[in-house]
């Protein structure tokens, strides 16, 4: 019974991670691109200026996406990094 509960808990963890990474990260990327596209505002006299709030929001969203992607690559390669290079990440001993 303990093994079944352990496997169900692991399945729940994988499902939640898949939902978070499969839905939240693309949504953040889309928001970043959307805010980046609205970063330029045209005044009535024809001058174009940057909207600093939109640029900051876009950079923040894209920074989170890049951080998640790099963390994912490092998580996948943690065994290799531990065995070959002696770099221990994510609790790898």
PDB file of N, CA and C in Angstrom:
ATOM      1  N   UNK A   1       0.825  -1.195   0.000  1.00  0.00           N
ATOM      2  CA  UNK A   1       0.000   0.000   0.000  1.00  0.00           C
ATOM      3  C   UNK A   1       0.867   1.257   0.000  1.00  0.00           C
ATOM      4  N   UNK A   2       1.974   1.185   0.723  1.00  0.00           N
ATOM      5  CA  UNK A   2       2.873   2.328   0.784  1.00  0.00           C
ATOM      6  C   UNK A   2       3.458   2.643  -0.588  1.00  0.00           C
ATOM      7  N   UNK A   3       3.767   1.607  -1.351  1.00  0.00           N
ATOM      8  CA  UNK A   3       4.315   1.812  -2.689  1.00  0.00           C
ATOM      9  C   UNK A   3       3.288   2.481  -3.598  1.00  0.00           C
ATOM     10  N   UNK A   4       2.040   2.074  -3.493  1.00  0.00           N
ATOM     11  CA  UNK A   4       0.982   2.677  -4.298  1.00  0.00           C
ATOM     12  C   UNK A   4       0.829   4.156  -3.970  1.00  0.00           C
ATOM     13  N   UNK A   5       0.832   4.497  -2.702  1.00  0.00           N
ATOM     14  CA  UNK A   5       0.709   5.900  -2.304  1.00  0.00           C
ATOM     15  C   UNK A   5       1.918   6.717  -2.758  1.00  0.00           C
ATOM     16  N   UNK A   6       3.082   6.118  -2.694  1.00  0.00           N
ATOM     17  CA  UNK A   6       4.286   6.804  -3.162  1.00  0.00           C
ATOM     18  C   UNK A   6       4.198   7.092  -4.662  1.00  0.00           C
ATOM     19  N   UNK A   7       3.737   6.115  -5.423  1.00  0.00           N
ATOM     20  CA  UNK A   7       3.606   6.299  -6.870  1.00  0.00           C
ATOM     21  C   UNK A   7       2.514   7.316  -7.212  1.00  0.00           C
ATOM     22  N   UNK A   8       1.421   7.303  -6.478  1.00  0.00           N
ATOM     23  CA  UNK A   8       0.364   8.286  -6.716  1.00  0.00           C
ATOM     24  C   UNK A   8       0.838   9.697  -6.390  1.00  0.00           C
ATOM     25  N   UNK A   9       1.618   9.829  -5.332  1.00  0.00           N
ATOM     26  CA  UNK A   9       2.159  11.145  -4.978  1.00  0.00           C
ATOM     27  C   UNK A   9       3.132  11.632  -6.058  1.00  0.00           C
ATOM     28  N   UNK A  10       3.956  10.726  -6.561  1.00  0.00           N
ATOM     29  CA  UNK A  10       4.882  11.092  -7.632  1.00  0.00           C
ATOM     30  C   UNK A  10       4.117  11.474  -8.901  1.00  0.00           C
ATOM     31  N   UNK A  11       3.038  10.764  -9.192  1.00  0.00           N
ATOM     32  CA  UNK A  11       2.213  11.092 -10.352  1.00  0.00           C
ATOM     33  C   UNK A  11       1.578  12.472 -10.198  1.00  0.00           C
ATOM     34  N   UNK A  12       1.122  12.795  -9.000  1.00  0.00           N
ATOM     35  CA  UNK A  12       0.554  14.117  -8.739  1.00  0.00           C
ATOM     36  C   UNK A  12       1.610  15.203  -8.915  1.00  0.00           C
ATOM     37  N   UNK A  13       2.811  14.962  -8.424  1.00  0.00           N
ATOM     38  CA  UNK A  13       3.894  15.940  -8.577  1.00  0.00           C
ATOM     39  C   UNK A  13       4.226  16.185 -10.048  1.00  0.00           C
ATOM     40  N   UNK A  14       4.296  15.125 -10.826  1.00  0.00           N
ATOM     41  CA  UNK A  14       4.601  15.260 -12.248  1.00  0.00           C
ATOM     42  C   UNK A  14       3.470  15.981 -12.972  1.00  0.00           C
ATOM     43  N   UNK A  15       2.233  15.677 -12.609  1.00  0.00           N
ATOM     44  CA  UNK A  15       1.088  16.340 -13.241  1.00  0.00           C
ATOM     45  C   UNK A  15       1.081  17.829 -12.942  1.00  0.00           C
ATOM     46  N   UNK A  16       1.340  18.206 -11.706  1.00  0.00           N
ATOM     47  CA  UNK A  16       1.374  19.622 -11.344  1.00  0.00           C
ATOM     48  C   UNK A  16       2.529  20.349 -12.029  1.00  0.00           C
ATOM     49  N   UNK A  17       3.672  19.708 -12.113  1.00  0.00           N
ATOM     50  CA  UNK A  17       4.808  20.322 -12.810  1.00  0.00           C
ATOM     51  C   UNK A  17       4.507  20.483 -14.297  1.00  0.00           C
ATOM     52  N   UNK A  18       3.860  19.497 -14.890  1.00  0.00           N
ATOM     53  CA  UNK A  18       3.512  19.591 -16.310  1.00  0.00           C
ATOM     54  C   UNK A  18       2.515  20.713 -16.558  1.00  0.00           C
ATOM     55  N   UNK A  19       1.554  20.875 -15.662  1.00  0.00           N
ATOM     56  CA  UNK A  19       0.603  21.978 -15.812  1.00  0.00           C
ATOM     57  C   UNK A  19       1.292  23.326 -15.655  1.00  0.00           C
ATOM     58  N   UNK A  20       2.172  23.421 -14.672  1.00  0.00           N
ATOM     59  CA  UNK A  20       2.858  24.694 -14.430  1.00  0.00           C
ATOM     60  C   UNK A  20       3.774  25.050 -15.593  1.00  0.00           C
ATOM     61  N   UNK A  21       4.553  24.100 -16.058  1.00  0.00           N
ATOM     62  CA  UNK A  21       5.497  24.385 -17.138  1.00  0.00           C
ATOM     63  C   UNK A  21       4.821  24.385 -18.502  1.00  0.00           C
ATOM     64  N   UNK A  22       3.806  23.574 -18.656  1.00  0.00           N
ATOM     65  CA  UNK A  22       3.144  23.474 -19.947  1.00  0.00           C
ATOM     66  C   UNK A  22       2.167  24.593 -20.227  1.00  0.00           C
ATOM     67  N   UNK A  23       1.686  25.263 -19.197  1.00  0.00           N
ATOM     68  CA  UNK A  23       0.715  26.340 -19.399  1.00  0.00           C
ATOM     69  C   UNK A  23       1.251  27.692 -18.957  1.00  0.00           C
ATOM     70  N   UNK A  24       1.911  27.736 -17.827  1.00  0.00           N
ATOM     71  CA  UNK A  24       2.325  29.028 -17.262  1.00  0.00           C
ATOM     72  C   UNK A  24       3.490  29.646 -18.024  1.00  0.00           C
ATOM     73  N   UNK A  25       4.467  28.859 -18.387  1.00  0.00           N
ATOM     74  CA  UNK A  25       5.641  29.417 -19.066  1.00  0.00           C
ATOM     75  C   UNK A  25       5.284  29.943 -20.464  1.00  0.00           C
ATOM     76  N   UNK A  26       4.534  29.208 -21.288  1.00  0.00           N
ATOM     77  CA  UNK A  26       4.122  29.804 -22.567  1.00  0.00           C
ATOM     78  C   UNK A  26       3.234  31.038 -22.394  1.00  0.00           C
ATOM     79  N   UNK A  27       2.408  31.050 -21.346  1.00  0.00           N
ATOM     80  CA  UNK A  27       1.577  32.220 -21.090  1.00  0.00           C
ATOM     81  C   UNK A  27       2.442  33.429 -20.735  1.00  0.00           C
ATOM     82  N   UNK A  28       3.464  33.223 -19.910  1.00  0.00           N
ATOM     83  CA  UNK A  28       4.371  34.319 -19.574  1.00  0.00           C
ATOM     84  C   UNK A  28       5.133  34.810 -20.804  1.00  0.00           C
ATOM     85  N   UNK A  29       5.529  33.888 -21.659  1.00  0.00           N
ATOM     86  CA  UNK A  29       6.209  34.290 -22.894  1.00  0.00           C
ATOM     87  C   UNK A  29       5.281  35.125 -23.777  1.00  0.00           C
ATOM     88  N   UNK A  30       4.034  34.690 -23.904  1.00  0.00           N
ATOM     89  CA  UNK A  30       3.069  35.437 -24.716  1.00  0.00           C
ATOM     90  C   UNK A  30       2.808  36.819 -24.130  1.00  0.00           C
ATOM     91  N   UNK A  31       2.701  36.910 -22.811  1.00  0.00           N
ATOM     92  CA  UNK A  31       2.518  38.219 -22.178  1.00  0.00           C
ATOM     93  C   UNK A  31       3.730  39.114 -22.408  1.00  0.00           C
ATOM     94  N   UNK A  32       4.922  38.536 -22.319  1.00  0.00           N
ATOM     95  CA  UNK A  32       6.130  39.315 -22.564  1.00  0.00           C
ATOM     96  C   UNK A  32       6.189  39.862 -23.978  1.00  0.00           C
ATOM     97  N   UNK A  33       5.843  39.024 -24.949  1.00  0.00           N
ATOM     98  CA  UNK A  33       5.834  39.475 -26.343  1.00  0.00           C
ATOM     99  C   UNK A  33       4.753  40.529 -26.551  1.00  0.00           C
ATOM    100  N   UNK A  34       3.608  40.323 -25.928  1.00  0.00           N
ATOM    101  CA  UNK A  34       2.502  41.289 -26.061  1.00  0.00           C
ATOM    102  C   UNK A  34       2.901  42.653 -25.497  1.00  0.00           C
ATOM    103  N   UNK A  35       3.498  42.652 -24.297  1.00  0.00           N
ATOM    104  CA  UNK A  35       3.902  43.920 -23.695  1.00  0.00           C
ATOM    105  C   UNK A  35       5.053  44.557 -24.470  1.00  0.00           C
ATOM    106  N   UNK A  36       5.927  43.740 -25.032  1.00  0.00           N
ATOM    107  CA  UNK A  36       7.036  44.287 -25.819  1.00  0.00           C
ATOM    108  C   UNK A  36       6.504  44.974 -27.081  1.00  0.00           C
ATOM    109  N   UNK A  37       5.465  44.389 -27.684  1.00  0.00           N
ATOM    110  CA  UNK A  37       4.911  44.992 -28.902  1.00  0.00           C
ATOM    111  C   UNK A  37       4.189  46.301 -28.601  1.00  0.00           C
ATOM    112  N   UNK A  38       3.693  46.468 -27.386  1.00  0.00           N
ATOM    113  CA  UNK A  38       3.023  47.706 -27.013  1.00  0.00           C
ATOM    114  C   UNK A  38       3.939  48.691 -26.329  1.00  0.00           C
ATOM    115  N   UNK A  39       5.237  48.487 -26.453  1.00  0.00           N
ATOM    116  CA  UNK A  39       6.191  49.335 -25.738  1.00  0.00           C
ATOM    117  C   UNK A  39       6.399  50.681 -26.406  1.00  0.00           C
ATOM    118  N   UNK A  40       6.002  50.812 -27.667  1.00  0.00           N
ATOM    119  CA  UNK A  40       6.167  52.081 -28.369  1.00  0.00           C
ATOM    120  C   UNK A  40       4.816  52.775 -28.481  1.00  0.00           C
ATOM    121  N   UNK A  41       4.785  54.027 -28.077  1.00  0.00           N
ATOM    122  CA  UNK A  41       3.562  54.821 -28.103  1.00  0.00           C
ATOM    123  C   UNK A  41       3.788  55.995 -29.052  1.00  0.00           C
ATOM    124  N   UNK A  42       2.835  56.229 -29.941  1.00  0.00           N
ATOM    125  CA  UNK A  42       2.929  57.351 -30.875  1.00  0.00           C
ATOM    126  C   UNK A  42       2.093  58.507 -30.343  1.00  0.00           C
ATOM    127  N   UNK A  43       2.721  59.647 -30.161  1.00  0.00           N
ATOM    128  CA  UNK A  43       2.026  60.848 -29.698  1.00  0.00           C
ATOM    129  C   UNK A  43       1.217  61.457 -30.849  1.00  0.00           C
ATOM    130  N   UNK A  44       0.263  62.339 -30.520  1.00  0.00           N
ATOM    131  CA  UNK A  44      -0.536  62.969 -31.584  1.00  0.00           C
ATOM    132  C   UNK A  44       0.296  63.755 -32.599  1.00  0.00           C
ATOM    133  N   UNK A  45       1.455  64.265 -32.190  1.00  0.00           N
ATOM    134  CA  UNK A  45       2.286  65.019 -33.136  1.00  0.00           C
ATOM    135  C   UNK A  45       3.182  64.117 -33.990  1.00  0.00           C
ATOM    136  N   UNK A  46       3.098  62.806 -33.806  1.00  0.00           N
ATOM    137  CA  UNK A  46       3.835  61.866 -34.638  1.00  0.00           C
ATOM    138  C   UNK A  46       5.123  61.343 -34.038  1.00  0.00           C
ATOM    139  N   UNK A  47       5.522  61.835 -32.878  1.00  0.00           N
ATOM    140  CA  UNK A  47       6.751  61.327 -32.262  1.00  0.00           C
ATOM    141  C   UNK A  47       6.473  59.985 -31.593  1.00  0.00           C
ATOM    142  N   UNK A  48       7.458  59.130 -31.664  1.00  0.00           N
ATOM    143  CA  UNK A  48       7.345  57.800 -31.073  1.00  0.00           C
ATOM    144  C   UNK A  48       8.222  57.760 -29.836  1.00  0.00           C
ATOM    145  N   UNK A  49       7.649  57.283 -28.736  1.00  0.00           N
ATOM    146  CA  UNK A  49       8.424  57.167 -27.497  1.00  0.00           C
ATOM    147  C   UNK A  49       8.163  55.798 -26.881  1.00  0.00           C
ATOM    148  N   UNK A  50       9.081  55.404 -26.018  1.00  0.00           N
ATOM    149  CA  UNK A  50       8.970  54.111 -25.347  1.00  0.00           C
ATOM    150  C   UNK A  50       8.086  54.227 -24.120  1.00  0.00           C
ATOM    151  N   UNK A  51       7.338  53.170 -23.854  1.00  0.00           N
ATOM    152  CA  UNK A  51       6.562  53.070 -22.632  1.00  0.00           C
ATOM    153  C   UNK A  51       7.400  52.258 -21.646  1.00  0.00           C
ATOM    154  N   UNK A  52       8.013  52.898 -20.638  1.00  0.00           N
ATOM    155  CA  UNK A  52       8.939  52.168 -19.764  1.00  0.00           C
ATOM    156  C   UNK A  52       8.266  51.088 -18.921  1.00  0.00           C
ATOM    157  N   UNK A  53       7.001  51.262 -18.592  1.00  0.00           N
ATOM    158  CA  UNK A  53       6.301  50.236 -17.807  1.00  0.00           C
ATOM    159  C   UNK A  53       6.114  48.973 -18.643  1.00  0.00           C
ATOM    160  N   UNK A  54       5.739  49.129 -19.906  1.00  0.00           N
ATOM    161  CA  UNK A  54       5.560  47.969 -20.781  1.00  0.00           C
ATOM    162  C   UNK A  54       6.887  47.262 -21.036  1.00  0.00           C
ATOM    163  N   UNK A  55       7.953  48.024 -21.212  1.00  0.00           N
ATOM    164  CA  UNK A  55       9.273  47.416 -21.432  1.00  0.00           C
ATOM    165  C   UNK A  55       9.720  46.653 -20.189  1.00  0.00           C
ATOM    166  N   UNK A  56       9.513  47.233 -19.014  1.00  0.00           N
ATOM    167  CA  UNK A  56       9.903  46.563 -17.767  1.00  0.00           C
ATOM    168  C   UNK A  56       9.095  45.286 -17.553  1.00  0.00           C
ATOM    169  N   UNK A  57       7.794  45.336 -17.813  1.00  0.00           N
ATOM    170  CA  UNK A  57       6.955  44.143 -17.654  1.00  0.00           C
ATOM    171  C   UNK A  57       7.361  43.058 -18.645  1.00  0.00           C
ATOM    172  N   UNK A  58       7.642  43.449 -19.886  1.00  0.00           N
ATOM    173  CA  UNK A  58       8.059  42.476 -20.896  1.00  0.00           C
ATOM    174  C   UNK A  58       9.393  41.836 -20.521  1.00  0.00           C
ATOM    175  N   UNK A  59      10.342  42.644 -20.092  1.00  0.00           N
ATOM    176  CA  UNK A  59      11.653  42.105 -19.690  1.00  0.00           C
ATOM    177  C   UNK A  59      11.527  41.174 -18.495  1.00  0.00           C
ATOM    178  N   UNK A  60      10.663  41.511 -17.551  1.00  0.00           N
ATOM    179  CA  UNK A  60      10.462  40.658 -16.379  1.00  0.00           C
ATOM    180  C   UNK A  60       9.885  39.304 -16.794  1.00  0.00           C
ATOM    181  N   UNK A  61       8.862  39.305 -17.646  1.00  0.00           N
ATOM    182  CA  UNK A  61       8.267  38.046 -18.102  1.00  0.00           C
ATOM    183  C   UNK A  61       9.274  37.200 -18.873  1.00  0.00           C
ATOM    184  N   UNK A  62      10.012  37.824 -19.765  1.00  0.00           N
ATOM    185  CA  UNK A  62      10.979  37.075 -20.561  1.00  0.00           C
ATOM    186  C   UNK A  62      12.145  36.576 -19.714  1.00  0.00           C
ATOM    187  N   UNK A  63      12.517  37.323 -18.686  1.00  0.00           N
ATOM    188  CA  UNK A  63      13.565  36.872 -17.767  1.00  0.00           C
ATOM    189  C   UNK A  63      13.124  35.628 -17.003  1.00  0.00           C
ATOM    190  N   UNK A  64      11.870  35.596 -16.577  1.00  0.00           N
ATOM    191  CA  UNK A  64      11.349  34.413 -15.891  1.00  0.00           C
ATOM    192  C   UNK A  64      11.364  33.207 -16.829  1.00  0.00           C
ATOM    193  N   UNK A  65      10.963  33.397 -18.079  1.00  0.00           N
ATOM    194  CA  UNK A  65      10.946  32.297 -19.047  1.00  0.00           C
ATOM    195  C   UNK A  65      12.359  31.762 -19.279  1.00  0.00           C
ATOM    196  N   UNK A  66      13.320  32.644 -19.462  1.00  0.00           N
ATOM    197  CA  UNK A  66      14.708  32.213 -19.677  1.00  0.00           C
ATOM    198  C   UNK A  66      15.234  31.478 -18.446  1.00  0.00           C
ATOM    199  N   UNK A  67      14.912  31.977 -17.255  1.00  0.00           N
ATOM    200  CA  UNK A  67      15.347  31.323 -16.020  1.00  0.00           C
ATOM    201  C   UNK A  67      14.775  29.916 -15.907  1.00  0.00           C
ATOM    202  N   UNK A  68      13.501  29.750 -16.231  1.00  0.00           N
ATOM    203  CA  UNK A  68      12.871  28.425 -16.164  1.00  0.00           C
ATOM    204  C   UNK A  68      13.496  27.476 -17.184  1.00  0.00           C
ATOM    205  N   UNK A  69      13.778  27.963 -18.374  1.00  0.00           N
ATOM    206  CA  UNK A  69      14.384  27.109 -19.405  1.00  0.00           C
ATOM    207  C   UNK A  69      15.788  26.673 -18.988  1.00  0.00           C
ATOM    208  N   UNK A  70      16.584  27.595 -18.480  1.00  0.00           N
ATOM    209  CA  UNK A  70      17.944  27.252 -18.034  1.00  0.00           C
ATOM    210  C   UNK A  70      17.887  26.276 -16.857  1.00  0.00           C
ATOM    211  N   UNK A  71      16.977  26.515 -15.916  1.00  0.00           N
ATOM    212  CA  UNK A  71      16.834  25.596 -14.780  1.00  0.00           C
ATOM    213  C   UNK A  71      16.404  24.213 -15.252  1.00  0.00           C
ATOM    214  N   UNK A  72      15.535  24.146 -16.247  1.00  0.00           N
ATOM    215  CA  UNK A  72      15.111  22.855 -16.787  1.00  0.00           C
ATOM    216  C   UNK A  72      16.248  22.100 -17.447  1.00  0.00           C
ATOM    217  N   UNK A  73      17.057  22.798 -18.214  1.00  0.00           N
ATOM    218  CA  UNK A  73      18.211  22.148 -18.854  1.00  0.00           C
ATOM    219  C   UNK A  73      19.193  21.650 -17.797  1.00  0.00           C
ATOM    220  N   UNK A  74      19.444  22.465 -16.786  1.00  0.00           N
ATOM    221  CA  UNK A  74      20.351  22.041 -15.717  1.00  0.00           C
ATOM    222  C   UNK A  74      19.778  20.867 -14.930  1.00  0.00           C
ATOM    223  N   UNK A  75      18.460  20.837 -14.744  1.00  0.00           N
ATOM    224  CA  UNK A  75      17.840  19.721 -14.030  1.00  0.00           C
ATOM    225  C   UNK A  75      17.978  18.428 -14.822  1.00  0.00           C
ATOM    226  N   UNK A  76      17.790  18.509 -16.125  1.00  0.00           N
ATOM    227  CA  UNK A  76      17.931  17.316 -16.958  1.00  0.00           C
ATOM    228  C   UNK A  76      19.379  16.835 -16.963  1.00  0.00           C
ATOM    229  N   UNK A  77      20.327  17.757 -16.941  1.00  0.00           N
ATOM    230  CA  UNK A  77      21.745  17.401 -17.022  1.00  0.00           C
ATOM    231  C   UNK A  77      22.406  17.261 -15.660  1.00  0.00           C
ATOM    232  N   UNK A  78      21.637  17.229 -14.576  1.00  0.00           N
ATOM    233  CA  UNK A  78      22.252  17.220 -13.245  1.00  0.00           C
ATOM    234  C   UNK A  78      23.089  15.969 -12.991  1.00  0.00           C
ATOM    235  N   UNK A  79      22.670  14.823 -13.493  1.00  0.00           N
ATOM    236  CA  UNK A  79      23.457  13.604 -13.314  1.00  0.00           C
ATOM    237  C   UNK A  79      24.794  13.682 -14.032  1.00  0.00           C
ATOM    238  N   UNK A  80      24.769  14.165 -15.258  1.00  0.00           N
ATOM    239  CA  UNK A  80      26.007  14.332 -16.023  1.00  0.00           C
ATOM    240  C   UNK A  80      26.935  15.331 -15.346  1.00  0.00           C
ATOM    241  N   UNK A  81      26.369  16.469 -14.912  1.00  0.00           N
ATOM    242  CA  UNK A  81      27.191  17.484 -14.249  1.00  0.00           C
ATOM    243  C   UNK A  81      27.800  16.950 -12.961  1.00  0.00           C
ATOM    244  N   UNK A  82      27.048  16.123 -12.246  1.00  0.00           N
ATOM    245  CA  UNK A  82      27.547  15.558 -10.995  1.00  0.00           C
ATOM    246  C   UNK A  82      28.642  14.522 -11.246  1.00  0.00           C
ATOM    247  N   UNK A  83      28.401  13.613 -12.192  1.00  0.00           N
ATOM    248  CA  UNK A  83      29.354  12.528 -12.437  1.00  0.00           C
ATOM    249  C   UNK A  83      30.625  13.001 -13.127  1.00  0.00           C
ATOM    250  N   UNK A  84      30.482  13.811 -14.148  1.00  0.00           N
ATOM    251  CA  UNK A  84      31.624  14.164 -14.981  1.00  0.00           C
ATOM    252  C   UNK A  84      32.375  15.400 -14.506  1.00  0.00           C
ATOM    253  N   UNK A  85      31.641  16.392 -13.993  1.00  0.00           N
ATOM    254  CA  UNK A  85      32.281  17.663 -13.663  1.00  0.00           C
ATOM    255  C   UNK A  85      32.343  17.953 -12.168  1.00  0.00           C
ATOM    256  N   UNK A  86      31.652  17.159 -11.367  1.00  0.00           N
ATOM    257  CA  UNK A  86      31.667  17.387  -9.926  1.00  0.00           C
ATOM    258  C   UNK A  86      30.820  18.568  -9.478  1.00  0.00           C
ATOM    259  N   UNK A  87      29.884  18.997 -10.325  1.00  0.00           N
ATOM    260  CA  UNK A  87      28.986  20.102  -9.979  1.00  0.00           C
ATOM    261  C   UNK A  87      27.681  19.494  -9.491  1.00  0.00           C
ATOM    262  N   UNK A  88      27.321  19.760  -8.251  1.00  0.00           N
ATOM    263  CA  UNK A  88      26.138  19.157  -7.640  1.00  0.00           C
ATOM    264  C   UNK A  88      25.014  20.185  -7.560  1.00  0.00           C
ATOM    265  N   UNK A  89      23.974  19.959  -8.354  1.00  0.00           N
ATOM    266  CA  UNK A  89      22.811  20.836  -8.389  1.00  0.00           C
ATOM    267  C   UNK A  89      21.564  20.063  -7.982  1.00  0.00           C
ATOM    268  N   UNK A  90      20.586  20.764  -7.452  1.00  0.00           N
ATOM    269  CA  UNK A  90      19.274  20.207  -7.141  1.00  0.00           C
ATOM    270  C   UNK A  90      19.361  19.012  -6.196  1.00  0.00           C
ATOM    271  N   UNK A  91      20.269  19.043  -5.263  1.00  0.00           N
ATOM    272  CA  UNK A  91      20.368  17.989  -4.266  1.00  0.00           C
ATOM    273  C   UNK A  91      21.065  16.731  -4.744  1.00  0.00           C
ATOM    274  N   UNK A  92      21.691  16.765  -5.888  1.00  0.00           N
ATOM    275  CA  UNK A  92      22.428  15.607  -6.400  1.00  0.00           C
ATOM    276  C   UNK A  92      23.705  15.443  -5.588  1.00  0.00           C
ATOM    277  N   UNK A  93      23.902  14.256  -5.018  1.00  0.00           N
ATOM    278  CA  UNK A  93      25.100  14.042  -4.190  1.00  0.00           C
ATOM    279  C   UNK A  93      26.105  13.145  -4.878  1.00  0.00           C
TER     280      UNK A  93
END
